[in-house]
């Protein structure tokens, strides 16, 4: 996706399927976005020259090592700094949970009309 030019292309639509059955929906969605950010950052860390060389040499273990080096890199501090540079919370989940929004909307729904598939 990234190498092929799909990332940053306005004609490509990305979507997260919201099917959070166990966790609360908004924190679940935030976690999904954080997962996408972390995996994208790791994909960008792949040493593509080293990977290509290992693939040309048919060296499966070296190819795996290149991918694992990127995959096991802790990108969370870099992403936190990236967010802060843009005036965003370094830890979006902590910011959301600390905002009280979930409790506020739950309190507003007390006594309201139930909505959903079973309503």
PDB file of N, CA and C in Angstrom:
ATOM      1  N   UNK A   1       0.826  -1.182   0.000  1.00  0.00           N
ATOM      2  CA  UNK A   1       0.000   0.000   0.000  1.00  0.00           C
ATOM      3  C   UNK A   1       0.876   1.254   0.000  1.00  0.00           C
ATOM      4  N   UNK A   2       1.835   1.300   0.911  1.00  0.00           N
ATOM      5  CA  UNK A   2       2.682   2.489   1.027  1.00  0.00           C
ATOM      6  C   UNK A   2       3.606   2.589  -0.174  1.00  0.00           C
ATOM      7  N   UNK A   3       4.304   1.494  -0.470  1.00  0.00           N
ATOM      8  CA  UNK A   3       5.245   1.498  -1.588  1.00  0.00           C
ATOM      9  C   UNK A   3       4.514   1.722  -2.903  1.00  0.00           C
ATOM     10  N   UNK A   4       3.283   1.226  -3.010  1.00  0.00           N
ATOM     11  CA  UNK A   4       2.513   1.362  -4.242  1.00  0.00           C
ATOM     12  C   UNK A   4       1.858   2.721  -4.408  1.00  0.00           C
ATOM     13  N   UNK A   5       2.016   3.610  -3.426  1.00  0.00           N
ATOM     14  CA  UNK A   5       1.480   4.955  -3.554  1.00  0.00           C
ATOM     15  C   UNK A   5       0.063   5.120  -3.027  1.00  0.00           C
ATOM     16  N   UNK A   6      -0.480   4.095  -2.382  1.00  0.00           N
ATOM     17  CA  UNK A   6      -1.846   4.190  -1.871  1.00  0.00           C
ATOM     18  C   UNK A   6      -1.970   5.060  -0.645  1.00  0.00           C
ATOM     19  N   UNK A   7      -0.900   5.154   0.138  1.00  0.00           N
ATOM     20  CA  UNK A   7      -0.942   5.955   1.352  1.00  0.00           C
ATOM     21  C   UNK A   7      -0.868   7.428   0.983  1.00  0.00           C
ATOM     22  N   UNK A   8      -1.808   8.223   1.456  1.00  0.00           N
ATOM     23  CA  UNK A   8      -1.814   9.649   1.161  1.00  0.00           C
ATOM     24  C   UNK A   8      -2.524   9.989  -0.131  1.00  0.00           C
ATOM     25  N   UNK A   9      -3.039   8.983  -0.813  1.00  0.00           N
ATOM     26  CA  UNK A   9      -3.772   9.199  -2.060  1.00  0.00           C
ATOM     27  C   UNK A   9      -5.227   9.513  -1.715  1.00  0.00           C
ATOM     28  N   UNK A  10      -5.742  10.678  -2.090  1.00  0.00           N
ATOM     29  CA  UNK A  10      -7.115  11.034  -1.717  1.00  0.00           C
ATOM     30  C   UNK A  10      -8.173  10.139  -2.360  1.00  0.00           C
ATOM     31  N   UNK A  11      -7.793   9.363  -3.372  1.00  0.00           N
ATOM     32  CA  UNK A  11      -8.762   8.478  -4.011  1.00  0.00           C
ATOM     33  C   UNK A  11      -8.883   7.132  -3.302  1.00  0.00           C
ATOM     34  N   UNK A  12      -8.059   6.900  -2.287  1.00  0.00           N
ATOM     35  CA  UNK A  12      -8.109   5.648  -1.538  1.00  0.00           C
ATOM     36  C   UNK A  12      -8.837   5.911  -0.229  1.00  0.00           C
ATOM     37  N   UNK A  13      -9.892   5.149   0.021  1.00  0.00           N
ATOM     38  CA  UNK A  13     -10.672   5.310   1.249  1.00  0.00           C
ATOM     39  C   UNK A  13     -10.298   4.203   2.231  1.00  0.00           C
ATOM     40  N   UNK A  14      -9.980   4.578   3.445  1.00  0.00           N
ATOM     41  CA  UNK A  14      -9.672   3.616   4.493  1.00  0.00           C
ATOM     42  C   UNK A  14     -10.845   3.583   5.463  1.00  0.00           C
ATOM     43  N   UNK A  15     -11.146   2.406   5.984  1.00  0.00           N
ATOM     44  CA  UNK A  15     -12.276   2.281   6.892  1.00  0.00           C
ATOM     45  C   UNK A  15     -11.939   1.254   7.965  1.00  0.00           C
ATOM     46  N   UNK A  16     -12.369   1.521   9.181  1.00  0.00           N
ATOM     47  CA  UNK A  16     -12.280   0.551  10.257  1.00  0.00           C
ATOM     48  C   UNK A  16     -13.681   0.024  10.501  1.00  0.00           C
ATOM     49  N   UNK A  17     -13.800  -1.286  10.568  1.00  0.00           N
ATOM     50  CA  UNK A  17     -15.091  -1.899  10.858  1.00  0.00           C
ATOM     51  C   UNK A  17     -15.300  -1.861  12.361  1.00  0.00           C
ATOM     52  N   UNK A  18     -16.369  -1.232  12.782  1.00  0.00           N
ATOM     53  CA  UNK A  18     -16.631  -1.093  14.211  1.00  0.00           C
ATOM     54  C   UNK A  18     -17.481  -2.268  14.676  1.00  0.00           C
ATOM     55  N   UNK A  19     -16.822  -3.303  15.151  1.00  0.00           N
ATOM     56  CA  UNK A  19     -17.539  -4.478  15.655  1.00  0.00           C
ATOM     57  C   UNK A  19     -17.017  -4.814  17.045  1.00  0.00           C
ATOM     58  N   UNK A  20     -17.120  -3.867  17.926  1.00  0.00           N
ATOM     59  CA  UNK A  20     -16.629  -4.040  19.288  1.00  0.00           C
ATOM     60  C   UNK A  20     -17.758  -4.603  20.144  1.00  0.00           C
ATOM     61  N   UNK A  21     -17.699  -5.902  20.397  1.00  0.00           N
ATOM     62  CA  UNK A  21     -18.751  -6.564  21.156  1.00  0.00           C
ATOM     63  C   UNK A  21     -18.450  -6.627  22.642  1.00  0.00           C
ATOM     64  N   UNK A  22     -17.186  -6.603  22.999  1.00  0.00           N
ATOM     65  CA  UNK A  22     -16.804  -6.762  24.396  1.00  0.00           C
ATOM     66  C   UNK A  22     -16.418  -5.424  25.012  1.00  0.00           C
ATOM     67  N   UNK A  23     -15.561  -4.665  24.332  1.00  0.00           N
ATOM     68  CA  UNK A  23     -15.128  -3.389  24.896  1.00  0.00           C
ATOM     69  C   UNK A  23     -16.072  -2.268  24.449  1.00  0.00           C
ATOM     70  N   UNK A  24     -15.974  -1.164  25.158  1.00  0.00           N
ATOM     71  CA  UNK A  24     -16.780   0.007  24.796  1.00  0.00           C
ATOM     72  C   UNK A  24     -16.402   0.462  23.385  1.00  0.00           C
ATOM     73  N   UNK A  25     -17.368   0.976  22.650  1.00  0.00           N
ATOM     74  CA  UNK A  25     -17.160   1.276  21.230  1.00  0.00           C
ATOM     75  C   UNK A  25     -16.110   2.354  20.974  1.00  0.00           C
ATOM     76  N   UNK A  26     -16.181   3.460  21.676  1.00  0.00           N
ATOM     77  CA  UNK A  26     -15.238   4.550  21.392  1.00  0.00           C
ATOM     78  C   UNK A  26     -13.814   4.158  21.782  1.00  0.00           C
ATOM     79  N   UNK A  27     -13.574   3.634  22.986  1.00  0.00           N
ATOM     80  CA  UNK A  27     -12.207   3.184  23.280  1.00  0.00           C
ATOM     81  C   UNK A  27     -11.744   2.075  22.330  1.00  0.00           C
ATOM     82  N   UNK A  28     -12.647   1.209  21.914  1.00  0.00           N
ATOM     83  CA  UNK A  28     -12.286   0.167  20.950  1.00  0.00           C
ATOM     84  C   UNK A  28     -11.862   0.760  19.621  1.00  0.00           C
ATOM     85  N   UNK A  29     -12.564   1.793  19.193  1.00  0.00           N
ATOM     86  CA  UNK A  29     -12.213   2.458  17.933  1.00  0.00           C
ATOM     87  C   UNK A  29     -10.875   3.187  18.060  1.00  0.00           C
ATOM     88  N   UNK A  30     -10.659   3.839  19.188  1.00  0.00           N
ATOM     89  CA  UNK A  30      -9.371   4.506  19.419  1.00  0.00           C
ATOM     90  C   UNK A  30      -8.248   3.473  19.381  1.00  0.00           C
ATOM     91  N   UNK A  31      -8.456   2.324  20.037  1.00  0.00           N
ATOM     92  CA  UNK A  31      -7.434   1.269  20.036  1.00  0.00           C
ATOM     93  C   UNK A  31      -7.155   0.800  18.618  1.00  0.00           C
ATOM     94  N   UNK A  32      -8.205   0.669  17.802  1.00  0.00           N
ATOM     95  CA  UNK A  32      -8.017   0.244  16.411  1.00  0.00           C
ATOM     96  C   UNK A  32      -7.178   1.253  15.638  1.00  0.00           C
ATOM     97  N   UNK A  33      -7.451   2.534  15.827  1.00  0.00           N
ATOM     98  CA  UNK A  33      -6.678   3.581  15.142  1.00  0.00           C
ATOM     99  C   UNK A  33      -5.220   3.546  15.608  1.00  0.00           C
ATOM    100  N   UNK A  34      -5.002   3.380  16.906  1.00  0.00           N
ATOM    101  CA  UNK A  34      -3.633   3.293  17.415  1.00  0.00           C
ATOM    102  C   UNK A  34      -2.916   2.079  16.828  1.00  0.00           C
ATOM    103  N   UNK A  35      -3.619   0.959  16.702  1.00  0.00           N
ATOM    104  CA  UNK A  35      -3.020  -0.233  16.088  1.00  0.00           C
ATOM    105  C   UNK A  35      -2.605   0.040  14.651  1.00  0.00           C
ATOM    106  N   UNK A  36      -3.465   0.719  13.899  1.00  0.00           N
ATOM    107  CA  UNK A  36      -3.141   1.046  12.506  1.00  0.00           C
ATOM    108  C   UNK A  36      -1.921   1.966  12.455  1.00  0.00           C
ATOM    109  N   UNK A  37      -1.889   2.973  13.319  1.00  0.00           N
ATOM    110  CA  UNK A  37      -0.740   3.880  13.343  1.00  0.00           C
ATOM    111  C   UNK A  37       0.551   3.132  13.658  1.00  0.00           C
ATOM    112  N   UNK A  38       0.494   2.241  14.646  1.00  0.00           N
ATOM    113  CA  UNK A  38       1.695   1.501  15.033  1.00  0.00           C
ATOM    114  C   UNK A  38       2.164   0.570  13.919  1.00  0.00           C
ATOM    115  N   UNK A  39       1.246  -0.137  13.298  1.00  0.00           N
ATOM    116  CA  UNK A  39       1.640  -1.064  12.235  1.00  0.00           C
ATOM    117  C   UNK A  39       2.139  -0.314  10.995  1.00  0.00           C
ATOM    118  N   UNK A  40       1.540   0.833  10.698  1.00  0.00           N
ATOM    119  CA  UNK A  40       2.009   1.636   9.563  1.00  0.00           C
ATOM    120  C   UNK A  40       3.423   2.146   9.828  1.00  0.00           C
ATOM    121  N   UNK A  41       3.659   2.622  11.051  1.00  0.00           N
ATOM    122  CA  UNK A  41       5.001   3.102  11.404  1.00  0.00           C
ATOM    123  C   UNK A  41       6.020   1.973  11.284  1.00  0.00           C
ATOM    124  N   UNK A  42       5.640   0.792  11.725  1.00  0.00           N
ATOM    125  CA  UNK A  42       6.565  -0.349  11.623  1.00  0.00           C
ATOM    126  C   UNK A  42       6.820  -0.720  10.167  1.00  0.00           C
ATOM    127  N   UNK A  43       5.789  -0.671   9.352  1.00  0.00           N
ATOM    128  CA  UNK A  43       5.967  -0.981   7.927  1.00  0.00           C
ATOM    129  C   UNK A  43       6.932   0.007   7.283  1.00  0.00           C
ATOM    130  N   UNK A  44       6.870   1.259   7.723  1.00  0.00           N
ATOM    131  CA  UNK A  44       7.770   2.270   7.171  1.00  0.00           C
ATOM    132  C   UNK A  44       9.217   2.070   7.622  1.00  0.00           C
ATOM    133  N   UNK A  45       9.421   1.301   8.690  1.00  0.00           N
ATOM    134  CA  UNK A  45      10.769   1.049   9.203  1.00  0.00           C
ATOM    135  C   UNK A  45      11.474  -0.113   8.508  1.00  0.00           C
ATOM    136  N   UNK A  46      10.767  -0.854   7.691  1.00  0.00           N
ATOM    137  CA  UNK A  46      11.388  -2.000   7.026  1.00  0.00           C
ATOM    138  C   UNK A  46      12.529  -1.507   6.140  1.00  0.00           C
ATOM    139  N   UNK A  47      13.686  -2.103   6.328  1.00  0.00           N
ATOM    140  CA  UNK A  47      14.849  -1.794   5.494  1.00  0.00           C
ATOM    141  C   UNK A  47      14.631  -2.485   4.149  1.00  0.00           C
ATOM    142  N   UNK A  48      14.059  -1.755   3.217  1.00  0.00           N
ATOM    143  CA  UNK A  48      13.656  -2.355   1.941  1.00  0.00           C
ATOM    144  C   UNK A  48      14.852  -2.836   1.110  1.00  0.00           C
ATOM    145  N   UNK A  49      15.977  -2.139   1.212  1.00  0.00           N
ATOM    146  CA  UNK A  49      17.169  -2.585   0.481  1.00  0.00           C
ATOM    147  C   UNK A  49      17.665  -3.921   1.033  1.00  0.00           C
ATOM    148  N   UNK A  50      17.723  -4.025   2.364  1.00  0.00           N
ATOM    149  CA  UNK A  50      18.172  -5.279   2.980  1.00  0.00           C
ATOM    150  C   UNK A  50      17.191  -6.408   2.683  1.00  0.00           C
ATOM    151  N   UNK A  51      15.904  -6.097   2.697  1.00  0.00           N
ATOM    152  CA  UNK A  51      14.900  -7.114   2.391  1.00  0.00           C
ATOM    153  C   UNK A  51      15.037  -7.584   0.950  1.00  0.00           C
ATOM    154  N   UNK A  52      15.202  -6.647   0.034  1.00  0.00           N
ATOM    155  CA  UNK A  52      15.351  -7.012  -1.383  1.00  0.00           C
ATOM    156  C   UNK A  52      16.600  -7.864  -1.600  1.00  0.00           C
ATOM    157  N   UNK A  53      17.691  -7.512  -0.922  1.00  0.00           N
ATOM    158  CA  UNK A  53      18.928  -8.289  -1.063  1.00  0.00           C
ATOM    159  C   UNK A  53      18.738  -9.706  -0.533  1.00  0.00           C
ATOM    160  N   UNK A  54      18.075  -9.827   0.607  1.00  0.00           N
ATOM    161  CA  UNK A  54      17.832 -11.156   1.177  1.00  0.00           C
ATOM    162  C   UNK A  54      16.909 -11.972   0.277  1.00  0.00           C
ATOM    163  N   UNK A  55      15.926 -11.321  -0.309  1.00  0.00           N
ATOM    164  CA  UNK A  55      15.016 -12.026  -1.213  1.00  0.00           C
ATOM    165  C   UNK A  55      15.739 -12.476  -2.479  1.00  0.00           C
ATOM    166  N   UNK A  56      16.586 -11.614  -3.013  1.00  0.00           N
ATOM    167  CA  UNK A  56      17.354 -11.992  -4.210  1.00  0.00           C
ATOM    168  C   UNK A  56      18.264 -13.185  -3.934  1.00  0.00           C
ATOM    169  N   UNK A  57      18.761 -13.255  -2.702  1.00  0.00           N
ATOM    170  CA  UNK A  57      19.647 -14.356  -2.313  1.00  0.00           C
ATOM    171  C   UNK A  57      18.857 -15.591  -1.866  1.00  0.00           C
ATOM    172  N   UNK A  58      17.532 -15.502  -1.952  1.00  0.00           N
ATOM    173  CA  UNK A  58      16.662 -16.594  -1.486  1.00  0.00           C
ATOM    174  C   UNK A  58      16.950 -16.970  -0.033  1.00  0.00           C
ATOM    175  N   UNK A  59      17.280 -15.965   0.760  1.00  0.00           N
ATOM    176  CA  UNK A  59      17.600 -16.179   2.172  1.00  0.00           C
ATOM    177  C   UNK A  59      16.364 -15.865   3.015  1.00  0.00           C
ATOM    178  N   UNK A  60      15.601 -16.899   3.285  1.00  0.00           N
ATOM    179  CA  UNK A  60      14.342 -16.738   4.014  1.00  0.00           C
ATOM    180  C   UNK A  60      14.587 -16.221   5.424  1.00  0.00           C
ATOM    181  N   UNK A  61      15.602 -16.732   6.092  1.00  0.00           N
ATOM    182  CA  UNK A  61      15.868 -16.304   7.467  1.00  0.00           C
ATOM    183  C   UNK A  61      16.308 -14.847   7.535  1.00  0.00           C
ATOM    184  N   UNK A  62      17.113 -14.406   6.596  1.00  0.00           N
ATOM    185  CA  UNK A  62      17.523 -12.998   6.574  1.00  0.00           C
ATOM    186  C   UNK A  62      16.328 -12.100   6.256  1.00  0.00           C
ATOM    187  N   UNK A  63      15.481 -12.538   5.334  1.00  0.00           N
ATOM    188  CA  UNK A  63      14.270 -11.768   5.017  1.00  0.00           C
ATOM    189  C   UNK A  63      13.397 -11.638   6.254  1.00  0.00           C
ATOM    190  N   UNK A  64      13.222 -12.752   6.954  1.00  0.00           N
ATOM    191  CA  UNK A  64      12.425 -12.742   8.177  1.00  0.00           C
ATOM    192  C   UNK A  64      13.042 -11.808   9.217  1.00  0.00           C
ATOM    193  N   UNK A  65      14.355 -11.831   9.348  1.00  0.00           N
ATOM    194  CA  UNK A  65      15.030 -10.975  10.326  1.00  0.00           C
ATOM    195  C   UNK A  65      14.799  -9.497  10.025  1.00  0.00           C
ATOM    196  N   UNK A  66      14.838  -9.130   8.757  1.00  0.00           N
ATOM    197  CA  UNK A  66      14.597  -7.733   8.375  1.00  0.00           C
ATOM    198  C   UNK A  66      13.183  -7.321   8.789  1.00  0.00           C
ATOM    199  N   UNK A  67      12.215  -8.170   8.501  1.00  0.00           N
ATOM    200  CA  UNK A  67      10.830  -7.862   8.857  1.00  0.00           C
ATOM    201  C   UNK A  67      10.639  -7.815  10.371  1.00  0.00           C
ATOM    202  N   UNK A  68      11.241  -8.756  11.077  1.00  0.00           N
ATOM    203  CA  UNK A  68      11.096  -8.804  12.535  1.00  0.00           C
ATOM    204  C   UNK A  68      11.768  -7.614  13.209  1.00  0.00           C
ATOM    205  N   UNK A  69      12.898  -7.151  12.654  1.00  0.00           N
ATOM    206  CA  UNK A  69      13.545  -5.957  13.210  1.00  0.00           C
ATOM    207  C   UNK A  69      12.576  -4.776  13.201  1.00  0.00           C
ATOM    208  N   UNK A  70      11.862  -4.610  12.118  1.00  0.00           N
ATOM    209  CA  UNK A  70      10.884  -3.518  12.031  1.00  0.00           C
ATOM    210  C   UNK A  70       9.683  -3.804  12.921  1.00  0.00           C
ATOM    211  N   UNK A  71       9.197  -5.035  12.893  1.00  0.00           N
ATOM    212  CA  UNK A  71       7.983  -5.375  13.635  1.00  0.00           C
ATOM    213  C   UNK A  71       8.166  -5.229  15.137  1.00  0.00           C
ATOM    214  N   UNK A  72       9.337  -5.589  15.648  1.00  0.00           N
ATOM    215  CA  UNK A  72       9.555  -5.536  17.091  1.00  0.00           C
ATOM    216  C   UNK A  72      10.082  -4.188  17.578  1.00  0.00           C
ATOM    217  N   UNK A  73      10.203  -3.220  16.708  1.00  0.00           N
ATOM    218  CA  UNK A  73      10.609  -1.879  17.124  1.00  0.00           C
ATOM    219  C   UNK A  73       9.448  -1.211  17.847  1.00  0.00           C
ATOM    220  N   UNK A  74       9.717  -0.657  19.018  1.00  0.00           N
ATOM    221  CA  UNK A  74       8.677   0.045  19.765  1.00  0.00           C
ATOM    222  C   UNK A  74       8.531   1.447  19.175  1.00  0.00           C
ATOM    223  N   UNK A  75       7.486   1.650  18.410  1.00  0.00           N
ATOM    224  CA  UNK A  75       7.258   2.921  17.728  1.00  0.00           C
ATOM    225  C   UNK A  75       6.388   3.875  18.546  1.00  0.00           C
ATOM    226  N   UNK A  76       5.887   3.414  19.687  1.00  0.00           N
ATOM    227  CA  UNK A  76       4.972   4.250  20.477  1.00  0.00           C
ATOM    228  C   UNK A  76       5.575   5.579  20.913  1.00  0.00           C
ATOM    229  N   UNK A  77       6.833   5.634  21.381  1.00  0.00           N
ATOM    230  CA  UNK A  77       7.392   6.946  21.746  1.00  0.00           C
ATOM    231  C   UNK A  77       7.473   7.908  20.552  1.00  0.00           C
ATOM    232  N   UNK A  78       7.838   7.393  19.393  1.00  0.00           N
ATOM    233  CA  UNK A  78       7.917   8.250  18.198  1.00  0.00           C
ATOM    234  C   UNK A  78       6.531   8.745  17.799  1.00  0.00           C
ATOM    235  N   UNK A  79       5.529   7.878  17.903  1.00  0.00           N
ATOM    236  CA  UNK A  79       4.164   8.302  17.570  1.00  0.00           C
ATOM    237  C   UNK A  79       3.646   9.323  18.583  1.00  0.00           C
ATOM    238  N   UNK A  80       3.976   9.137  19.852  1.00  0.00           N
ATOM    239  CA  UNK A  80       3.567  10.106  20.874  1.00  0.00           C
ATOM    240  C   UNK A  80       4.187  11.470  20.584  1.00  0.00           C
ATOM    241  N   UNK A  81       5.457  11.487  20.218  1.00  0.00           N
ATOM    242  CA  UNK A  81       6.127  12.750  19.877  1.00  0.00           C
ATOM    243  C   UNK A  81       5.502  13.368  18.640  1.00  0.00           C
ATOM    244  N   UNK A  82       5.190  12.541  17.644  1.00  0.00           N
ATOM    245  CA  UNK A  82       4.552  13.016  16.411  1.00  0.00           C
ATOM    246  C   UNK A  82       3.217  13.688  16.732  1.00  0.00           C
ATOM    247  N   UNK A  83       2.432  13.066  17.613  1.00  0.00           N
ATOM    248  CA  UNK A  83       1.138  13.655  17.989  1.00  0.00           C
ATOM    249  C   UNK A  83       1.340  14.979  18.720  1.00  0.00           C
ATOM    250  N   UNK A  84       2.262  14.997  19.672  1.00  0.00           N
ATOM    251  CA  UNK A  84       2.501  16.220  20.448  1.00  0.00           C
ATOM    252  C   UNK A  84       2.950  17.370  19.562  1.00  0.00           C
ATOM    253  N   UNK A  85       3.763  17.086  18.547  1.00  0.00           N
ATOM    254  CA  UNK A  85       4.216  18.126  17.619  1.00  0.00           C
ATOM    255  C   UNK A  85       3.045  18.754  16.871  1.00  0.00           C
ATOM    256  N   UNK A  86       1.951  18.042  16.801  1.00  0.00           N
ATOM    257  CA  UNK A  86       0.765  18.529  16.096  1.00  0.00           C
ATOM    258  C   UNK A  86      -0.314  19.033  17.054  1.00  0.00           C
ATOM    259  N   UNK A  87       0.060  19.185  18.323  1.00  0.00           N
ATOM    260  CA  UNK A  87      -0.878  19.694  19.317  1.00  0.00           C
ATOM    261  C   UNK A  87      -1.919  18.679  19.746  1.00  0.00           C
ATOM    262  N   UNK A  88      -1.629  17.402  19.540  1.00  0.00           N
ATOM    263  CA  UNK A  88      -2.551  16.331  19.910  1.00  0.00           C
ATOM    264  C   UNK A  88      -2.059  15.647  21.176  1.00  0.00           C
ATOM    265  N   UNK A  89      -2.951  14.962  21.885  1.00  0.00           N
ATOM    266  CA  UNK A  89      -2.498  14.233  23.074  1.00  0.00           C
ATOM    267  C   UNK A  89      -1.505  13.135  22.696  1.00  0.00           C
ATOM    268  N   UNK A  90      -0.428  13.024  23.459  1.00  0.00           N
ATOM    269  CA  UNK A  90       0.563  11.974  23.207  1.00  0.00           C
ATOM    270  C   UNK A  90      -0.068  10.602  23.367  1.00  0.00           C
ATOM    271  N   UNK A  91      -0.982  10.475  24.320  1.00  0.00           N
ATOM    272  CA  UNK A  91      -1.673   9.215  24.587  1.00  0.00           C
ATOM    273  C   UNK A  91      -3.172   9.439  24.382  1.00  0.00           C
ATOM    274  N   UNK A  92      -3.676   9.182  23.178  1.00  0.00           N
ATOM    275  CA  UNK A  92      -5.088   9.449  22.894  1.00  0.00           C
ATOM    276  C   UNK A  92      -6.052   8.681  23.797  1.00  0.00           C
ATOM    277  N   UNK A  93      -5.709   7.448  24.144  1.00  0.00           N
ATOM    278  CA  UNK A  93      -6.606   6.670  24.998  1.00  0.00           C
ATOM    279  C   UNK A  93      -6.703   7.290  26.381  1.00  0.00           C
ATOM    280  N   UNK A  94      -5.575   7.647  26.968  1.00  0.00           N
ATOM    281  CA  UNK A  94      -5.582   8.279  28.288  1.00  0.00           C
ATOM    282  C   UNK A  94      -6.330   9.608  28.240  1.00  0.00           C
ATOM    283  N   UNK A  95      -6.136  10.369  27.179  1.00  0.00           N
ATOM    284  CA  UNK A  95      -6.833  11.655  27.043  1.00  0.00           C
ATOM    285  C   UNK A  95      -8.336  11.441  26.971  1.00  0.00           C
ATOM    286  N   UNK A  96      -8.756  10.446  26.200  1.00  0.00           N
ATOM    287  CA  UNK A  96     -10.192  10.173  26.092  1.00  0.00           C
ATOM    288  C   UNK A  96     -10.759   9.709  27.428  1.00  0.00           C
ATOM    289  N   UNK A  97     -10.092   8.736  28.044  1.00  0.00           N
ATOM    290  CA  UNK A  97     -10.606   8.210  29.307  1.00  0.00           C
ATOM    291  C   UNK A  97     -10.621   9.283  30.388  1.00  0.00           C
ATOM    292  N   UNK A  98      -9.663  10.200  30.356  1.00  0.00           N
ATOM    293  CA  UNK A  98      -9.614  11.284  31.324  1.00  0.00           C
ATOM    294  C   UNK A  98     -10.600  12.409  31.051  1.00  0.00           C
ATOM    295  N   UNK A  99     -11.185  12.410  29.858  1.00  0.00           N
ATOM    296  CA  UNK A  99     -12.097  13.500  29.482  1.00  0.00           C
ATOM    297  C   UNK A  99     -13.458  13.401  30.155  1.00  0.00           C
ATOM    298  N   UNK A 100     -13.829  12.218  30.605  1.00  0.00           N
ATOM    299  CA  UNK A 100     -15.148  12.033  31.201  1.00  0.00           C
ATOM    300  C   UNK A 100     -16.267  11.924  30.188  1.00  0.00           C
ATOM    301  N   UNK A 101     -15.934  11.945  28.904  1.00  0.00           N
ATOM    302  CA  UNK A 101     -16.956  11.927  27.855  1.00  0.00           C
ATOM    303  C   UNK A 101     -17.821  10.676  27.921  1.00  0.00           C
ATOM    304  N   UNK A 102     -17.213   9.520  28.115  1.00  0.00           N
ATOM    305  CA  UNK A 102     -17.963   8.269  28.137  1.00  0.00           C
ATOM    306  C   UNK A 102     -18.989   8.269  29.268  1.00  0.00           C
ATOM    307  N   UNK A 103     -18.574   8.716  30.433  1.00  0.00           N
ATOM    308  CA  UNK A 103     -19.489   8.786  31.572  1.00  0.00           C
ATOM    309  C   UNK A 103     -20.602   9.801  31.319  1.00  0.00           C
ATOM    310  N   UNK A 104     -20.247  10.919  30.692  1.00  0.00           N
ATOM    311  CA  UNK A 104     -21.223  11.979  30.427  1.00  0.00           C
ATOM    312  C   UNK A 104     -22.305  11.501  29.462  1.00  0.00           C
ATOM    313  N   UNK A 105     -21.907  10.841  28.378  1.00  0.00           N
ATOM    314  CA  UNK A 105     -22.931  10.399  27.424  1.00  0.00           C
ATOM    315  C   UNK A 105     -23.742   9.241  27.991  1.00  0.00           C
ATOM    316  N   UNK A 106     -23.129   8.425  28.856  1.00  0.00           N
ATOM    317  CA  UNK A 106     -23.887   7.340  29.492  1.00  0.00           C
ATOM    318  C   UNK A 106     -24.950   7.928  30.413  1.00  0.00           C
ATOM    319  N   UNK A 107     -24.599   8.974  31.150  1.00  0.00           N
ATOM    320  CA  UNK A 107     -25.554   9.614  32.058  1.00  0.00           C
ATOM    321  C   UNK A 107     -26.684  10.281  31.285  1.00  0.00           C
ATOM    322  N   UNK A 108     -26.382  10.827  30.114  1.00  0.00           N
ATOM    323  CA  UNK A 108     -27.405  11.485  29.301  1.00  0.00           C
ATOM    324  C   UNK A 108     -28.405  10.491  28.728  1.00  0.00           C
ATOM    325  N   UNK A 109     -28.002   9.240  28.600  1.00  0.00           N
ATOM    326  CA  UNK A 109     -28.876   8.225  28.006  1.00  0.00           C
ATOM    327  C   UNK A 109     -29.802   7.561  29.017  1.00  0.00           C
ATOM    328  N   UNK A 110     -29.607   7.782  30.293  1.00  0.00           N
ATOM    329  CA  UNK A 110     -30.429   7.135  31.308  1.00  0.00           C
ATOM    330  C   UNK A 110     -31.887   7.500  31.079  1.00  0.00           C
ATOM    331  N   UNK A 111     -32.717   6.465  30.956  1.00  0.00           N
ATOM    332  CA  UNK A 111     -34.142   6.686  30.753  1.00  0.00           C
ATOM    333  C   UNK A 111     -34.534   6.970  29.321  1.00  0.00           C
ATOM    334  N   UNK A 112     -33.558   7.003  28.426  1.00  0.00           N
ATOM    335  CA  UNK A 112     -33.862   7.276  27.023  1.00  0.00           C
ATOM    336  C   UNK A 112     -34.430   6.057  26.319  1.00  0.00           C
ATOM    337  N   UNK A 113     -34.725   6.215  25.064  1.00  0.00           N
ATOM    338  CA  UNK A 113     -35.250   5.126  24.257  1.00  0.00           C
ATOM    339  C   UNK A 113     -34.101   4.244  23.797  1.00  0.00           C
ATOM    340  N   UNK A 114     -34.275   2.925  23.980  1.00  0.00           N
ATOM    341  CA  UNK A 114     -33.248   1.984  23.571  1.00  0.00           C
ATOM    342  C   UNK A 114     -33.164   1.958  22.057  1.00  0.00           C
ATOM    343  N   UNK A 115     -31.951   1.846  21.562  1.00  0.00           N
ATOM    344  CA  UNK A 115     -31.740   1.726  20.123  1.00  0.00           C
ATOM    345  C   UNK A 115     -30.838   0.531  19.879  1.00  0.00           C
ATOM    346  N   UNK A 116     -31.009  -0.096  18.770  1.00  0.00           N
ATOM    347  CA  UNK A 116     -30.164  -1.239  18.420  1.00  0.00           C
ATOM    348  C   UNK A 116     -30.971  -2.297  17.708  1.00  0.00           C
ATOM    349  N   UNK A 117     -30.316  -3.394  17.382  1.00  0.00           N
ATOM    350  CA  UNK A 117     -30.966  -4.459  16.623  1.00  0.00           C
ATOM    351  C   UNK A 117     -32.111  -5.090  17.407  1.00  0.00           C
ATOM    352  N   UNK A 118     -31.961  -5.163  18.727  1.00  0.00           N
ATOM    353  CA  UNK A 118     -32.984  -5.829  19.527  1.00  0.00           C
ATOM    354  C   UNK A 118     -34.087  -4.904  20.001  1.00  0.00           C
ATOM    355  N   UNK A 119     -34.031  -3.636  19.649  1.00  0.00           N
ATOM    356  CA  UNK A 119     -35.020  -2.673  20.155  1.00  0.00           C
ATOM    357  C   UNK A 119     -36.332  -2.777  19.415  1.00  0.00           C
TER     358      UNK A 119
END
